[in-house]
C-alpha atoms as a PDB file:
ATOM      1  CA  MET A   1      57.373  57.937 -52.723  1.00  0.00           C
ATOM      2  CA  VAL A   2      57.649  54.389 -54.426  1.00  0.00           C
ATOM      3  CA  ILE A   3      60.132  52.782 -56.376  1.00  0.00           C
ATOM      4  CA  LYS A   4      59.106  52.263 -60.048  1.00  0.00           C
ATOM      5  CA  ASP A   5      59.700  48.735 -62.000  1.00  0.00           C
ATOM      6  CA  LYS A   6      61.961  46.787 -59.529  1.00  0.00           C
ATOM      7  CA  PRO A   7      65.213  48.238 -60.511  1.00  0.00           C
ATOM      8  CA  LYS A   8      68.437  46.229 -60.748  1.00  0.00           C
ATOM      9  CA  ARG A   9      71.028  49.100 -61.270  1.00  0.00           C
ATOM     10  CA  TYR A  10      71.505  52.895 -60.926  1.00  0.00           C
ATOM     11  CA  PRO A  11      70.019  55.157 -61.828  1.00  0.00           C
ATOM     12  CA  TYR A  12      66.318  54.248 -61.166  1.00  0.00           C
ATOM     13  CA  ASN A  13      63.007  56.029 -60.862  1.00  0.00           C
ATOM     14  CA  VAL A  14      60.550  56.703 -58.199  1.00  0.00           C
ATOM     15  CA  MET A  15      57.070  58.323 -58.153  1.00  0.00           C
ATOM     16  CA  VAL A  16      54.768  59.917 -55.823  1.00  0.00           C
ATOM     17  CA  TRP A  17      52.259  57.375 -54.761  1.00  0.00           C
ATOM     18  CA  GLN A  18      49.703  59.296 -52.618  1.00  0.00           C
ATOM     19  CA  ARG A  19      49.128  62.404 -50.717  1.00  0.00           C
ATOM     20  CA  ALA A  20      47.185  62.964 -47.598  1.00  0.00           C
ATOM     21  CA  ILE A  21      46.382  65.980 -45.316  1.00  0.00           C
ATOM     22  CA  PHE A  22      46.339  65.822 -41.750  1.00  0.00           C
ATOM     23  CA  CYS A  23      45.524  68.458 -39.011  1.00  0.00           C
ATOM     24  CA  THR A  24      48.776  67.810 -37.057  1.00  0.00           C
ATOM     25  CA  TYR A  25      52.184  66.174 -37.389  1.00  0.00           C
ATOM     26  CA  ASP A  26      51.168  63.534 -34.797  1.00  0.00           C
ATOM     27  CA  ASP A  27      48.060  62.784 -36.814  1.00  0.00           C
ATOM     28  CA  ALA A  28      50.235  61.983 -39.814  1.00  0.00           C
ATOM     29  CA  ASP A  29      52.816  60.115 -37.748  1.00  0.00           C
ATOM     30  CA  SER A  30      50.190  57.867 -36.225  1.00  0.00           C
ATOM     31  CA  TYR A  31      48.659  57.233 -39.814  1.00  0.00           C
ATOM     32  CA  ILE A  32      51.974  56.096 -41.015  1.00  0.00           C
ATOM     33  CA  ARG A  33      52.560  53.748 -38.039  1.00  0.00           C
ATOM     34  CA  ASP A  34      49.116  52.414 -38.229  1.00  0.00           C
ATOM     35  CA  ASN A  35      49.312  51.579 -41.917  1.00  0.00           C
ATOM     36  CA  ILE A  36      52.821  50.864 -42.902  1.00  0.00           C
ATOM     37  CA  GLU A  37      52.197  47.050 -42.730  1.00  0.00           C
ATOM     38  CA  ASP A  38      49.336  47.381 -45.247  1.00  0.00           C
ATOM     39  CA  TRP A  39      51.707  48.969 -47.510  1.00  0.00           C
ATOM     40  CA  HIS A  40      54.008  46.094 -47.864  1.00  0.00           C
ATOM     41  CA  VAL A  41      52.871  45.315 -51.199  1.00  0.00           C
ATOM     42  CA  LEU A  42      54.212  48.799 -52.327  1.00  0.00           C
ATOM     43  CA  ASP A  43      58.112  49.136 -53.091  1.00  0.00           C
ATOM     44  CA  ILE A  44      58.262  52.196 -50.748  1.00  0.00           C
ATOM     45  CA  PHE A  45      61.281  54.404 -51.140  1.00  0.00           C
ATOM     46  CA  CYS A  46      60.542  56.950 -48.484  1.00  0.00           C
ATOM     47  CA  ILE A  47      57.594  58.941 -46.961  1.00  0.00           C
ATOM     48  CA  TYR A  48      57.729  62.881 -46.530  1.00  0.00           C
ATOM     49  CA  VAL A  49      55.522  64.560 -43.974  1.00  0.00           C
ATOM     50  CA  ARG A  50      55.519  68.360 -44.699  1.00  0.00           C
ATOM     51  CA  GLU A  51      53.844  70.880 -42.422  1.00  0.00           C
ATOM     52  CA  LYS A  52      52.210  73.549 -44.596  1.00  0.00           C
ATOM     53  CA  PRO A  53      50.432  76.882 -43.524  1.00  0.00           C
ATOM     54  CA  VAL A  54      46.723  76.623 -44.328  1.00  0.00           C
ATOM     55  CA  GLY A  55      45.682  79.071 -47.023  1.00  0.00           C
ATOM     56  CA  SER A  56      48.755  79.489 -48.760  1.00  0.00           C
ATOM     57  CA  MET A  57      49.838  78.686 -52.461  1.00  0.00           C
ATOM     58  CA  LEU A  58      53.309  76.750 -52.086  1.00  0.00           C
ATOM     59  CA  TYR A  59      55.683  74.698 -54.281  1.00  0.00           C
ATOM     60  CA  GLU A  60      55.771  70.984 -53.289  1.00  0.00           C
ATOM     61  CA  GLU A  61      59.057  71.286 -51.268  1.00  0.00           C
ATOM     62  CA  GLU A  62      58.106  74.368 -49.481  1.00  0.00           C
ATOM     63  CA  CYS A  63      57.013  73.827 -45.961  1.00  0.00           C
ATOM     64  CA  LEU A  64      57.278  75.059 -42.233  1.00  0.00           C
ATOM     65  CA  ALA A  65      58.947  71.732 -41.288  1.00  0.00           C
ATOM     66  CA  VAL A  66      59.635  68.268 -42.864  1.00  0.00           C
ATOM     67  CA  TRP A  67      59.928  64.766 -41.538  1.00  0.00           C
ATOM     68  CA  LEU A  68      61.393  61.997 -43.347  1.00  0.00           C
ATOM     69  CA  TYR A  69      60.514  58.283 -42.950  1.00  0.00           C
ATOM     70  CA  ASP A  70      62.272  55.076 -44.606  1.00  0.00           C
ATOM     71  CA  GLU A  71      60.638  52.237 -46.292  1.00  0.00           C
ATOM     72  CA  ARG A  72      59.694  50.597 -42.990  1.00  0.00           C
ATOM     73  CA  GLY A  73      57.918  53.635 -41.487  1.00  0.00           C
ATOM     74  CA  ASN A  74      60.762  54.629 -39.317  1.00  0.00           C
ATOM     75  CA  LEU A  75      61.617  58.424 -38.683  1.00  0.00           C
ATOM     76  CA  ILE A  76      65.142  58.836 -40.192  1.00  0.00           C
ATOM     77  CA  ASP A  77      65.526  62.621 -40.244  1.00  0.00           C
ATOM     78  CA  LYS A  78      63.846  65.981 -39.813  1.00  0.00           C
ATOM     79  CA  ARG A  79      64.161  69.612 -40.344  1.00  0.00           C
ATOM     80  CA  LEU A  80      62.156  71.783 -38.094  1.00  0.00           C
ATOM     81  CA  CYS A  81      63.155  75.098 -40.082  1.00  0.00           C
ATOM     82  CA  SER A  82      60.786  76.711 -42.613  1.00  0.00           C
ATOM     83  CA  ASN A  83      62.079  76.963 -46.163  1.00  0.00           C
ATOM     84  CA  ILE A  84      59.262  79.327 -47.249  1.00  0.00           C
ATOM     85  CA  GLY A  85      60.882  82.431 -48.363  1.00  0.00           C
ATOM     86  CA  MET A  86      64.090  81.184 -46.703  1.00  0.00           C
ATOM     87  CA  SER A  87      63.564  83.693 -43.941  1.00  0.00           C
ATOM     88  CA  GLU A  88      64.007  81.366 -40.939  1.00  0.00           C
ATOM     89  CA  GLU A  89      67.608  80.850 -39.546  1.00  0.00           C
ATOM     90  CA  PHE A  90      68.723  77.205 -39.731  1.00  0.00           C
ATOM     91  CA  GLN A  91      70.410  75.658 -36.783  1.00  0.00           C
ATOM     92  CA  TRP A  92      73.453  73.625 -37.932  1.00  0.00           C
ATOM     93  CA  ARG A  93      73.289  69.874 -37.369  1.00  0.00           C
ATOM     94  CA  ARG A  94      74.993  68.315 -34.373  1.00  0.00           C
ATOM     95  CA  TYR A  95      77.460  65.544 -35.316  1.00  0.00           C
ATOM     96  CA  GLU A  96      74.914  63.028 -33.951  1.00  0.00           C
ATOM     97  CA  ASP A  97      72.286  64.402 -36.490  1.00  0.00           C
ATOM     98  CA  LEU A  98      74.656  63.713 -39.451  1.00  0.00           C
ATOM     99  CA  ARG A  99      73.310  60.579 -41.200  1.00  0.00           C
ATOM    100  CA  PHE A 100      76.241  60.373 -43.566  1.00  0.00           C
ATOM    101  CA  HIS A 101      80.098  61.098 -43.405  1.00  0.00           C
ATOM    102  CA  PRO A 102      82.872  61.644 -45.962  1.00  0.00           C
ATOM    103  CA  GLY A 103      83.840  58.629 -47.705  1.00  0.00           C
ATOM    104  CA  GLU A 104      80.258  57.003 -47.842  1.00  0.00           C
ATOM    105  CA  ILE A 105      78.312  56.151 -51.009  1.00  0.00           C
ATOM    106  CA  VAL A 106      74.855  57.385 -50.887  1.00  0.00           C
ATOM    107  CA  GLU A 107      71.735  57.673 -53.143  1.00  0.00           C
ATOM    108  CA  VAL A 108      70.563  61.032 -54.152  1.00  0.00           C
ATOM    109  CA  LEU A 109      66.895  61.765 -55.009  1.00  0.00           C
ATOM    110  CA  GLU A 110      66.546  64.352 -57.626  1.00  0.00           C
ATOM    111  CA  ASN A 111      62.910  64.890 -58.898  1.00  0.00           C
ATOM    112  CA  ASP A 112      62.004  61.362 -59.718  1.00  0.00           C
ATOM    113  CA  GLU A 113      65.376  59.842 -60.283  1.00  0.00           C
ATOM    114  CA  VAL A 114      67.631  58.209 -57.830  1.00  0.00           C
ATOM    115  CA  TYR A 115      71.515  57.936 -58.621  1.00  0.00           C
ATOM    116  CA  LEU A 116      74.581  57.158 -56.654  1.00  0.00           C
ATOM    117  CA  ALA A 117      76.968  59.732 -55.274  1.00  0.00           C
ATOM    118  CA  TYR A 118      80.045  59.909 -53.076  1.00  0.00           C
ATOM    119  CA  LEU A 119      80.540  62.085 -50.041  1.00  0.00           C
ATOM    120  CA  PRO A 120      84.196  63.518 -50.604  1.00  0.00           C
ATOM    121  CA  GLY A 121      86.312  65.076 -48.067  1.00  0.00           C
ATOM    122  CA  PRO A 122      88.270  64.377 -44.862  1.00  0.00           C
ATOM    123  CA  GLU A 123      86.369  62.539 -42.105  1.00  0.00           C
ATOM    124  CA  MET A 124      85.070  65.029 -39.605  1.00  0.00           C
ATOM    125  CA  SER A 125      85.276  64.157 -35.920  1.00  0.00           C
ATOM    126  CA  LYS A 126      82.536  65.327 -33.476  1.00  0.00           C
ATOM    127  CA  LYS A 127      84.872  68.084 -32.283  1.00  0.00           C
ATOM    128  CA  ASP A 128      85.516  69.125 -35.988  1.00  0.00           C
ATOM    129  CA  THR A 129      81.717  69.336 -36.424  1.00  0.00           C
ATOM    130  CA  GLU A 130      81.158  71.455 -33.392  1.00  0.00           C
ATOM    131  CA  HIS A 131      84.179  73.687 -34.374  1.00  0.00           C
ATOM    132  CA  TYR A 132      82.488  74.097 -37.901  1.00  0.00           C
ATOM    133  CA  ASN A 133      79.075  74.777 -36.483  1.00  0.00           C
ATOM    134  CA  GLU A 134      80.575  77.405 -34.082  1.00  0.00           C
ATOM    135  CA  PHE A 135      82.360  79.092 -36.825  1.00  0.00           C
ATOM    136  CA  VAL A 136      79.269  79.317 -39.207  1.00  0.00           C
ATOM    137  CA  SER A 137      76.696  80.038 -36.392  1.00  0.00           C
ATOM    138  CA  ASP A 138      77.008  83.872 -36.652  1.00  0.00           C
ATOM    139  CA  LYS A 139      76.655  83.805 -40.425  1.00  0.00           C
ATOM    140  CA  VAL A 140      73.334  84.102 -42.002  1.00  0.00           C
ATOM    141  CA  SER A 141      72.023  80.628 -42.795  1.00  0.00           C
ATOM    142  CA  ASP A 142      68.707  79.020 -43.768  1.00  0.00           C
ATOM    143  CA  ALA A 143      67.225  75.822 -44.772  1.00  0.00           C
ATOM    144  CA  SER A 144      69.181  75.754 -48.103  1.00  0.00           C
ATOM    145  CA  ASP A 145      72.384  75.465 -46.000  1.00  0.00           C
ATOM    146  CA  ASP A 146      71.044  71.919 -44.935  1.00  0.00           C
ATOM    147  CA  VAL A 147      73.135  70.019 -47.550  1.00  0.00           C
ATOM    148  CA  TYR A 148      75.605  67.185 -48.147  1.00  0.00           C
ATOM    149  CA  THR A 149      78.320  67.989 -50.833  1.00  0.00           C
ATOM    150  CA  VAL A 150      78.360  65.046 -53.198  1.00  0.00           C
ATOM    151  CA  LEU A 151      80.549  63.959 -56.082  1.00  0.00           C
ATOM    152  CA  THR A 152      78.554  62.454 -58.805  1.00  0.00           C
ATOM    153  CA  THR A 153      80.705  62.101 -61.972  1.00  0.00           C
ATOM    154  CA  GLU A 154      84.160  61.596 -63.266  1.00  0.00           C
ATOM    155  CA  SER A 155      85.144  65.215 -62.381  1.00  0.00           C
ATOM    156  CA  TYR A 156      85.411  66.663 -59.031  1.00  0.00           C
ATOM    157  CA  ASN A 157      84.428  69.982 -60.391  1.00  0.00           C
ATOM    158  CA  SER A 158      80.956  68.834 -60.960  1.00  0.00           C
ATOM    159  CA  HIS A 159      80.110  68.314 -57.270  1.00  0.00           C
ATOM    160  CA  GLN A 160      76.725  69.145 -56.115  1.00  0.00           C
ATOM    161  CA  HIS A 161      75.173  70.343 -52.788  1.00  0.00           C
ATOM    162  CA  ILE A 162      72.116  68.086 -52.110  1.00  0.00           C
ATOM    163  CA  ASP A 163      69.207  68.826 -49.727  1.00  0.00           C
ATOM    164  CA  ALA A 164      70.173  66.596 -46.682  1.00  0.00           C
ATOM    165  CA  LEU A 165      66.672  65.142 -46.839  1.00  0.00           C
ATOM    166  CA  HIS A 166      67.178  63.879 -50.429  1.00  0.00           C
ATOM    167  CA  VAL A 167      70.126  61.717 -49.525  1.00  0.00           C
ATOM    168  CA  PHE A 168      69.712  58.172 -48.617  1.00  0.00           C
ATOM    169  CA  THR A 169      71.408  54.970 -47.779  1.00  0.00           C
ATOM    170  CA  PRO A 170      71.503  52.796 -50.904  1.00  0.00           C
ATOM    171  CA  HIS A 171      68.569  50.607 -51.475  1.00  0.00           C
ATOM    172  CA  LEU A 172      70.296  48.398 -54.087  1.00  0.00           C
ATOM    173  CA  LYS A 173      73.408  46.381 -53.646  1.00  0.00           C
ATOM    174  CA  ILE A 174      76.725  48.363 -54.226  1.00  0.00           C
ATOM    175  CA  HIS A 175      79.645  46.396 -56.082  1.00  0.00           C
ATOM    176  CA  PRO A 176      82.861  47.166 -53.978  1.00  0.00           C
ATOM    177  CA  SER A 177      84.503  48.376 -57.117  1.00  0.00           C
ATOM    178  CA  THR A 178      82.050  51.472 -57.153  1.00  0.00           C
ATOM    179  CA  SER A 179      83.356  52.503 -53.810  1.00  0.00           C
ATOM    180  CA  LYS A 180      87.120  52.135 -55.070  1.00  0.00           C
ATOM    181  CA  ARG A 181      86.239  54.055 -58.268  1.00  0.00           C
ATOM    182  CA  PHE A 182      84.481  57.006 -56.553  1.00  0.00           C
ATOM    183  CA  ARG A 183      87.500  57.285 -54.137  1.00  0.00           C
ATOM    184  CA  LYS A 184      89.995  57.022 -56.919  1.00  0.00           C
ATOM    185  CA  ILE A 185      88.203  59.844 -58.758  1.00  0.00           C
ATOM    186  CA  TYR A 186      88.042  62.158 -55.608  1.00  0.00           C
ATOM    187  CA  GLU A 187      91.701  61.455 -54.825  1.00  0.00           C
ATOM    188  CA  ALA A 188      92.980  62.105 -58.466  1.00  0.00           C
ATOM    189  CA  ASN A 189      91.046  65.227 -58.677  1.00  0.00           C
ATOM    190  CA  LEU A 190      92.163  66.588 -55.269  1.00  0.00           C
ATOM    191  CA  LEU A 191      95.760  66.068 -56.151  1.00  0.00           C
ATOM    192  CA  ASN A 192      95.082  67.860 -59.433  1.00  0.00           C
ATOM    193  CA  ASP A 193      93.800  70.713 -57.521  1.00  0.00           C
ATOM    194  CA  TYR A 194      96.890  71.030 -55.404  1.00  0.00           C
ATOM    195  CA  LYS A 195      99.253  70.784 -58.373  1.00  0.00           C
ATOM    196  CA  THR A 196      97.718  73.914 -60.070  1.00  0.00           C
END
């Protein structure tokens, strides 16, 4: 995906630039590494590599596995769990595999738009994450559970659960007041929840 029109503020738009088909993930990975320098004229947002079964009619996001690369061609995330029919069990992320934690401002990719969001909640330690994963491990889970909960508006009630592979480190500069504003909204709504 590439960024459109050199944005100066959020939200901004991205678009699919090209698609390619390879026989294996290793072939796709090599192609990215061999060509990323030639793509410097593009304002790359991210690169997805999706493994798809041959001879199947699928939606764009449906795949057997997916790998996510940043704008420099570095592998930054992956999900080796099929989301086709949501039939395969999702193994919860280890603490080391979490790219973001509560209190951070992130970018969210939704369709062709990128906007800012805030990860609310208390900071979780490695031990907290392991305890949570152990608690949910016997529950039925699939690729749709691989999400970050984000706050996007003035109301905490409008939080969203965003696919972990659609959450990014901000590409544009974030003004310090933005972080304070998100934190204030989260804290104010959290206090209101306790009062009711």
